[in-house]
Amino acid sequence: MGNKGILLVVSGFSGAGKGTVIKELIHRYDNYALSISATTRSPREGESDGREYFFKTKEAFEQMISEDALIEYACYVGNYYGTPKAYVEEQLSLGKDVILEIEVQGAWKVKKQFPDTLLLFLSPPDARTLRERLVKRGTESAEVIESRLSRASQEAEGIEVYDYFIINDNLNECVESIHQIIQAEHSRTFRNQKLIHTIQVELKEFQKG
């Protein structure tokens, strides 16, 4: 356990800047690994398969479900999103802190399989800023934007279950805040039970000597 990485779930309203924050975190520090999700949504401009997402047909995604190849999956705004299992387990065993960028409904599915998962929720400072970011993105219709805002209202009801609520108003401050939280989590006693036990045994042996 002492050398094992931490599994991190980063959730947030669509338009909260999750992707930008995660990319900057990985760029600055080498102890993070981003788990690439599978999805049935179409690639946006500049996105490529295997980098931002594994883009799947509905049939291919449902085959992954039947083969139990996903840690979690969910349907969001008409598309499937899911987390491939093998990559996550491999990176954790190598000591990497693995980041999953997933929606609220998937977060607790991950938590059930990996109880030590750290849940982080990212948000803009207010609802007006959220709407402005969605509009400026320019990738979706007004109807989809309204759907995302409606979904955000529902997601807001479940924020309390997350370990940390982080405001993304300044990119640098947000990234550093998340990094410091994760580094502090590495020192939590429940994440270091093997090391603690070893020290306890060694101290008892010294007393006997």
C-alpha atoms as a PDB file:
ATOM      1  CA  MET A   1       0.000   0.000   0.000  1.00  0.00           C
ATOM      2  CA  GLY A   2       2.831   2.422   0.817  1.00  0.00           C
ATOM      3  CA  ASN A   3       4.042   2.604  -2.793  1.00  0.00           C
ATOM      4  CA  LYS A   4       0.665   2.288  -4.449  1.00  0.00           C
ATOM      5  CA  GLY A   5      -0.769   5.237  -6.335  1.00  0.00           C
ATOM      6  CA  ILE A   6      -3.992   7.019  -5.441  1.00  0.00           C
ATOM      7  CA  LEU A   7      -7.028   6.732  -7.666  1.00  0.00           C
ATOM      8  CA  LEU A   8      -8.561  10.172  -8.224  1.00  0.00           C
ATOM      9  CA  VAL A   9     -11.980  10.951  -9.608  1.00  0.00           C
ATOM     10  CA  VAL A  10     -12.310  14.487 -10.962  1.00  0.00           C
ATOM     11  CA  SER A  11     -15.903  15.441 -11.665  1.00  0.00           C
ATOM     12  CA  GLY A  12     -17.547  18.763 -12.333  1.00  0.00           C
ATOM     13  CA  PHE A  13     -20.132  20.590 -14.324  1.00  0.00           C
ATOM     14  CA  SER A  14     -19.682  20.536 -18.084  1.00  0.00           C
ATOM     15  CA  GLY A  15     -17.778  23.751 -18.770  1.00  0.00           C
ATOM     16  CA  ALA A  16     -15.996  23.785 -15.408  1.00  0.00           C
ATOM     17  CA  GLY A  17     -12.610  23.377 -17.106  1.00  0.00           C
ATOM     18  CA  LYS A  18     -11.853  19.840 -15.926  1.00  0.00           C
ATOM     19  CA  GLY A  19      -9.886  18.897 -19.027  1.00  0.00           C
ATOM     20  CA  THR A  20      -7.717  22.031 -18.953  1.00  0.00           C
ATOM     21  CA  VAL A  21      -6.914  21.642 -15.262  1.00  0.00           C
ATOM     22  CA  ILE A  22      -6.033  17.963 -15.613  1.00  0.00           C
ATOM     23  CA  LYS A  23      -3.782  18.572 -18.630  1.00  0.00           C
ATOM     24  CA  GLU A  24      -1.899  21.292 -16.747  1.00  0.00           C
ATOM     25  CA  LEU A  25      -1.538  19.080 -13.669  1.00  0.00           C
ATOM     26  CA  ILE A  26      -0.029  16.279 -15.745  1.00  0.00           C
ATOM     27  CA  HIS A  27       2.222  18.752 -17.598  1.00  0.00           C
ATOM     28  CA  ARG A  28       3.679  20.159 -14.362  1.00  0.00           C
ATOM     29  CA  TYR A  29       4.156  16.936 -12.400  1.00  0.00           C
ATOM     30  CA  ASP A  30       5.296  13.471 -13.445  1.00  0.00           C
ATOM     31  CA  ASN A  31       3.506  11.392 -10.797  1.00  0.00           C
ATOM     32  CA  TYR A  32       0.096  11.561 -12.500  1.00  0.00           C
ATOM     33  CA  ALA A  33      -1.422   9.326 -15.155  1.00  0.00           C
ATOM     34  CA  LEU A  34      -4.660  10.162 -16.939  1.00  0.00           C
ATOM     35  CA  SER A  35      -7.022   7.286 -17.511  1.00  0.00           C
ATOM     36  CA  ILE A  36      -8.400   7.617 -21.021  1.00  0.00           C
ATOM     37  CA  SER A  37     -12.135   6.996 -21.107  1.00  0.00           C
ATOM     38  CA  ALA A  38     -14.094   5.228 -23.795  1.00  0.00           C
ATOM     39  CA  THR A  39     -17.090   7.055 -25.280  1.00  0.00           C
ATOM     40  CA  THR A  40     -19.656   6.781 -28.038  1.00  0.00           C
ATOM     41  CA  ARG A  41     -19.815  10.539 -28.656  1.00  0.00           C
ATOM     42  CA  SER A  42     -18.275  11.944 -31.836  1.00  0.00           C
ATOM     43  CA  PRO A  43     -14.773  13.480 -31.670  1.00  0.00           C
ATOM     44  CA  ARG A  44     -14.611  17.262 -31.385  1.00  0.00           C
ATOM     45  CA  GLU A  45     -12.265  19.272 -33.583  1.00  0.00           C
ATOM     46  CA  GLY A  46      -8.657  18.453 -32.693  1.00  0.00           C
ATOM     47  CA  GLU A  47      -9.481  15.283 -30.749  1.00  0.00           C
ATOM     48  CA  SER A  48      -8.079  11.919 -31.797  1.00  0.00           C
ATOM     49  CA  ASP A  49      -8.759   8.306 -30.820  1.00  0.00           C
ATOM     50  CA  GLY A  50      -6.565   7.073 -27.985  1.00  0.00           C
ATOM     51  CA  ARG A  51      -5.541  10.546 -26.846  1.00  0.00           C
ATOM     52  CA  GLU A  52      -8.600  12.380 -25.490  1.00  0.00           C
ATOM     53  CA  TYR A  53     -10.885   9.330 -25.629  1.00  0.00           C
ATOM     54  CA  PHE A  54     -11.223   5.881 -27.119  1.00  0.00           C
ATOM     55  CA  PHE A  55     -14.047   6.602 -29.548  1.00  0.00           C
ATOM     56  CA  LYS A  56     -16.330   3.585 -29.853  1.00  0.00           C
ATOM     57  CA  THR A  57     -19.493   2.647 -31.678  1.00  0.00           C
ATOM     58  CA  LYS A  58     -22.480   1.858 -29.491  1.00  0.00           C
ATOM     59  CA  GLU A  59     -22.123  -1.835 -30.356  1.00  0.00           C
ATOM     60  CA  ALA A  60     -18.413  -1.919 -29.446  1.00  0.00           C
ATOM     61  CA  PHE A  61     -19.047  -0.126 -26.175  1.00  0.00           C
ATOM     62  CA  GLU A  62     -21.823  -2.521 -25.197  1.00  0.00           C
ATOM     63  CA  GLN A  63     -19.480  -5.420 -25.911  1.00  0.00           C
ATOM     64  CA  MET A  64     -17.005  -3.919 -23.410  1.00  0.00           C
ATOM     65  CA  ILE A  65     -19.837  -3.803 -20.872  1.00  0.00           C
ATOM     66  CA  SER A  66     -20.683  -7.476 -21.452  1.00  0.00           C
ATOM     67  CA  GLU A  67     -17.011  -8.460 -21.065  1.00  0.00           C
ATOM     68  CA  ASP A  68     -16.713  -6.583 -17.717  1.00  0.00           C
ATOM     69  CA  ALA A  69     -13.860  -4.548 -19.197  1.00  0.00           C
ATOM     70  CA  LEU A  70     -14.983  -1.274 -17.569  1.00  0.00           C
ATOM     71  CA  ILE A  71     -14.658  -0.042 -13.985  1.00  0.00           C
ATOM     72  CA  GLU A  72     -17.751   2.080 -14.506  1.00  0.00           C
ATOM     73  CA  TYR A  73     -19.875   3.441 -17.293  1.00  0.00           C
ATOM     74  CA  ALA A  74     -22.745   5.859 -17.662  1.00  0.00           C
ATOM     75  CA  CYS A  75     -24.983   7.408 -20.292  1.00  0.00           C
ATOM     76  CA  TYR A  76     -24.660  11.195 -20.412  1.00  0.00           C
ATOM     77  CA  VAL A  77     -26.535  13.475 -22.860  1.00  0.00           C
ATOM     78  CA  GLY A  78     -27.280  10.493 -25.096  1.00  0.00           C
ATOM     79  CA  ASN A  79     -23.782   8.988 -25.163  1.00  0.00           C
ATOM     80  CA  TYR A  80     -21.953   6.258 -23.251  1.00  0.00           C
ATOM     81  CA  TYR A  81     -18.824   7.076 -21.231  1.00  0.00           C
ATOM     82  CA  GLY A  82     -16.756   4.470 -19.388  1.00  0.00           C
ATOM     83  CA  THR A  83     -13.408   3.719 -17.718  1.00  0.00           C
ATOM     84  CA  PRO A  84     -11.320   0.800 -19.043  1.00  0.00           C
ATOM     85  CA  LYS A  85     -10.172  -1.358 -16.128  1.00  0.00           C
ATOM     86  CA  ALA A  86      -6.780  -2.786 -17.140  1.00  0.00           C
ATOM     87  CA  TYR A  87      -4.907   0.505 -17.604  1.00  0.00           C
ATOM     88  CA  VAL A  88      -6.035   1.888 -14.240  1.00  0.00           C
ATOM     89  CA  GLU A  89      -4.936  -1.164 -12.267  1.00  0.00           C
ATOM     90  CA  GLU A  90      -1.561  -1.281 -14.011  1.00  0.00           C
ATOM     91  CA  GLN A  91      -0.733   2.382 -13.351  1.00  0.00           C
ATOM     92  CA  LEU A  92      -1.768   2.201  -9.687  1.00  0.00           C
ATOM     93  CA  SER A  93       0.528  -0.782  -9.151  1.00  0.00           C
ATOM     94  CA  LEU A  94       3.392   1.275 -10.626  1.00  0.00           C
ATOM     95  CA  GLY A  95       2.833   3.996  -8.026  1.00  0.00           C
ATOM     96  CA  LYS A  96       1.148   6.490 -10.336  1.00  0.00           C
ATOM     97  CA  ASP A  97      -1.741   8.659  -9.139  1.00  0.00           C
ATOM     98  CA  VAL A  98      -4.395   7.856 -11.723  1.00  0.00           C
ATOM     99  CA  ILE A  99      -6.923  10.541 -12.660  1.00  0.00           C
ATOM    100  CA  LEU A 100     -10.382   9.610 -13.886  1.00  0.00           C
ATOM    101  CA  GLU A 101     -12.412  12.432 -15.429  1.00  0.00           C
ATOM    102  CA  ILE A 102     -15.944  11.125 -15.046  1.00  0.00           C
ATOM    103  CA  GLU A 103     -19.450  12.283 -14.199  1.00  0.00           C
ATOM    104  CA  VAL A 104     -21.133  12.145 -10.811  1.00  0.00           C
ATOM    105  CA  GLN A 105     -23.135   8.983 -11.501  1.00  0.00           C
ATOM    106  CA  GLY A 106     -19.928   7.066 -12.249  1.00  0.00           C
ATOM    107  CA  ALA A 107     -17.977   8.334  -9.248  1.00  0.00           C
ATOM    108  CA  TRP A 108     -19.673   6.123  -6.673  1.00  0.00           C
ATOM    109  CA  LYS A 109     -19.372   3.075  -8.933  1.00  0.00           C
ATOM    110  CA  VAL A 110     -15.604   3.600  -8.847  1.00  0.00           C
ATOM    111  CA  LYS A 111     -15.686   4.197  -5.083  1.00  0.00           C
ATOM    112  CA  LYS A 112     -17.415   0.847  -4.554  1.00  0.00           C
ATOM    113  CA  GLN A 113     -14.682  -1.039  -6.421  1.00  0.00           C
ATOM    114  CA  PHE A 114     -11.824   1.093  -5.056  1.00  0.00           C
ATOM    115  CA  PRO A 115     -12.825   2.334  -1.556  1.00  0.00           C
ATOM    116  CA  ASP A 116      -9.683   4.480  -1.179  1.00  0.00           C
ATOM    117  CA  THR A 117     -10.620   6.581  -4.215  1.00  0.00           C
ATOM    118  CA  LEU A 118     -10.340  10.350  -3.691  1.00  0.00           C
ATOM    119  CA  LEU A 119     -13.315  12.295  -5.061  1.00  0.00           C
ATOM    120  CA  LEU A 120     -12.745  15.872  -6.291  1.00  0.00           C
ATOM    121  CA  PHE A 121     -15.470  18.143  -7.670  1.00  0.00           C
ATOM    122  CA  LEU A 122     -14.511  21.106  -9.869  1.00  0.00           C
ATOM    123  CA  SER A 123     -16.747  24.129 -10.359  1.00  0.00           C
ATOM    124  CA  PRO A 124     -16.665  27.641 -11.817  1.00  0.00           C
ATOM    125  CA  PRO A 125     -17.308  30.406  -9.255  1.00  0.00           C
ATOM    126  CA  ASP A 126     -20.979  30.805 -10.188  1.00  0.00           C
ATOM    127  CA  ALA A 127     -23.755  29.686 -12.562  1.00  0.00           C
ATOM    128  CA  ARG A 128     -23.389  32.705 -14.863  1.00  0.00           C
ATOM    129  CA  THR A 129     -19.718  31.878 -15.484  1.00  0.00           C
ATOM    130  CA  LEU A 130     -20.705  28.279 -16.207  1.00  0.00           C
ATOM    131  CA  ARG A 131     -23.167  29.336 -18.903  1.00  0.00           C
ATOM    132  CA  GLU A 132     -20.653  31.760 -20.447  1.00  0.00           C
ATOM    133  CA  ARG A 133     -18.011  29.034 -20.688  1.00  0.00           C
ATOM    134  CA  LEU A 134     -20.406  26.641 -22.399  1.00  0.00           C
ATOM    135  CA  VAL A 135     -21.425  29.270 -24.941  1.00  0.00           C
ATOM    136  CA  LYS A 136     -17.829  30.380 -25.647  1.00  0.00           C
ATOM    137  CA  ARG A 137     -16.779  26.789 -26.272  1.00  0.00           C
ATOM    138  CA  GLY A 138     -18.790  26.953 -29.482  1.00  0.00           C
ATOM    139  CA  THR A 139     -19.023  23.206 -29.983  1.00  0.00           C
ATOM    140  CA  GLU A 140     -22.675  22.585 -29.122  1.00  0.00           C
ATOM    141  CA  SER A 141     -26.140  23.825 -30.021  1.00  0.00           C
ATOM    142  CA  ALA A 142     -28.259  25.973 -27.713  1.00  0.00           C
ATOM    143  CA  GLU A 143     -30.409  22.918 -27.024  1.00  0.00           C
ATOM    144  CA  VAL A 144     -27.417  20.850 -25.854  1.00  0.00           C
ATOM    145  CA  ILE A 145     -26.155  23.739 -23.716  1.00  0.00           C
ATOM    146  CA  GLU A 146     -29.526  23.950 -21.969  1.00  0.00           C
ATOM    147  CA  SER A 147     -29.415  20.183 -21.463  1.00  0.00           C
ATOM    148  CA  ARG A 148     -25.984  20.473 -19.841  1.00  0.00           C
ATOM    149  CA  LEU A 149     -27.172  23.287 -17.559  1.00  0.00           C
ATOM    150  CA  SER A 150     -30.164  21.210 -16.538  1.00  0.00           C
ATOM    151  CA  ARG A 151     -27.864  18.283 -15.793  1.00  0.00           C
ATOM    152  CA  ALA A 152     -25.597  20.591 -13.767  1.00  0.00           C
ATOM    153  CA  SER A 153     -28.538  21.495 -11.569  1.00  0.00           C
ATOM    154  CA  GLN A 154     -29.113  17.799 -10.845  1.00  0.00           C
ATOM    155  CA  GLU A 155     -25.418  17.149 -10.207  1.00  0.00           C
ATOM    156  CA  ALA A 156     -25.284  20.013  -7.702  1.00  0.00           C
ATOM    157  CA  GLU A 157     -27.513  17.970  -5.407  1.00  0.00           C
ATOM    158  CA  GLY A 158     -24.800  15.322  -5.016  1.00  0.00           C
ATOM    159  CA  ILE A 159     -21.713  17.464  -4.429  1.00  0.00           C
ATOM    160  CA  GLU A 160     -21.699  16.805  -0.682  1.00  0.00           C
ATOM    161  CA  VAL A 161     -20.507  13.224  -1.186  1.00  0.00           C
ATOM    162  CA  TYR A 162     -17.206  14.404  -2.685  1.00  0.00           C
ATOM    163  CA  ASP A 163     -14.088  14.731  -0.531  1.00  0.00           C
ATOM    164  CA  TYR A 164     -13.151  18.163  -1.922  1.00  0.00           C
ATOM    165  CA  PHE A 165     -15.013  20.976  -3.695  1.00  0.00           C
ATOM    166  CA  ILE A 166     -12.619  23.134  -5.725  1.00  0.00           C
ATOM    167  CA  ILE A 167     -13.364  26.435  -7.474  1.00  0.00           C
ATOM    168  CA  ASN A 168     -11.687  26.864 -10.859  1.00  0.00           C
ATOM    169  CA  ASP A 169     -11.473  30.630 -11.224  1.00  0.00           C
ATOM    170  CA  ASN A 170      -7.697  30.911 -11.670  1.00  0.00           C
ATOM    171  CA  LEU A 171      -6.006  28.025 -13.500  1.00  0.00           C
ATOM    172  CA  ASN A 172      -2.669  28.206 -11.690  1.00  0.00           C
ATOM    173  CA  GLU A 173      -4.243  28.404  -8.236  1.00  0.00           C
ATOM    174  CA  CYS A 174      -6.647  25.579  -9.037  1.00  0.00           C
ATOM    175  CA  VAL A 175      -3.892  23.255 -10.280  1.00  0.00           C
ATOM    176  CA  GLU A 176      -1.667  23.933  -7.279  1.00  0.00           C
ATOM    177  CA  SER A 177      -4.551  23.445  -4.865  1.00  0.00           C
ATOM    178  CA  ILE A 178      -5.350  20.031  -6.334  1.00  0.00           C
ATOM    179  CA  HIS A 179      -1.681  18.982  -6.295  1.00  0.00           C
ATOM    180  CA  GLN A 180      -1.284  19.929  -2.634  1.00  0.00           C
ATOM    181  CA  ILE A 181      -4.448  18.039  -1.705  1.00  0.00           C
ATOM    182  CA  ILE A 182      -3.195  14.885  -3.384  1.00  0.00           C
ATOM    183  CA  GLN A 183       0.264  15.115  -1.810  1.00  0.00           C
ATOM    184  CA  ALA A 184      -1.321  15.482   1.615  1.00  0.00           C
ATOM    185  CA  GLU A 185      -3.516  12.443   0.928  1.00  0.00           C
ATOM    186  CA  HIS A 186      -0.406  10.296   0.478  1.00  0.00           C
ATOM    187  CA  SER A 187       0.347  10.804   4.168  1.00  0.00           C
ATOM    188  CA  ARG A 188      -3.080   9.669   5.394  1.00  0.00           C
ATOM    189  CA  THR A 189      -2.734   6.721   7.770  1.00  0.00           C
ATOM    190  CA  PHE A 190      -5.266   4.482   6.002  1.00  0.00           C
ATOM    191  CA  ARG A 191      -3.191   4.714   2.815  1.00  0.00           C
ATOM    192  CA  ASN A 192      -0.035   3.612   4.638  1.00  0.00           C
ATOM    193  CA  GLN A 193      -1.150   0.647   6.708  1.00  0.00           C
ATOM    194  CA  LYS A 194       1.569  -1.676   5.389  1.00  0.00           C
ATOM    195  CA  LEU A 195       4.337   0.824   6.182  1.00  0.00           C
ATOM    196  CA  ILE A 196       2.868   1.598   9.610  1.00  0.00           C
ATOM    197  CA  HIS A 197       2.681  -2.107  10.445  1.00  0.00           C
ATOM    198  CA  THR A 198       6.317  -2.600   9.386  1.00  0.00           C
ATOM    199  CA  ILE A 199       7.490   0.232  11.645  1.00  0.00           C
ATOM    200  CA  GLN A 200       5.460  -1.114  14.564  1.00  0.00           C
ATOM    201  CA  VAL A 201       6.991  -4.578  14.179  1.00  0.00           C
ATOM    202  CA  GLU A 202      10.519  -3.159  13.910  1.00  0.00           C
ATOM    203  CA  LEU A 203      10.077  -1.090  17.068  1.00  0.00           C
ATOM    204  CA  LYS A 204       8.899  -4.156  18.991  1.00  0.00           C
ATOM    205  CA  GLU A 205      11.968  -6.069  17.790  1.00  0.00           C
ATOM    206  CA  PHE A 206      14.228  -3.259  19.012  1.00  0.00           C
ATOM    207  CA  GLN A 207      12.575  -3.452  22.440  1.00  0.00           C
ATOM    208  CA  LYS A 208      13.187  -7.198  22.609  1.00  0.00           C
ATOM    209  CA  GLY A 209      16.851  -6.672  21.699  1.00  0.00           C
END
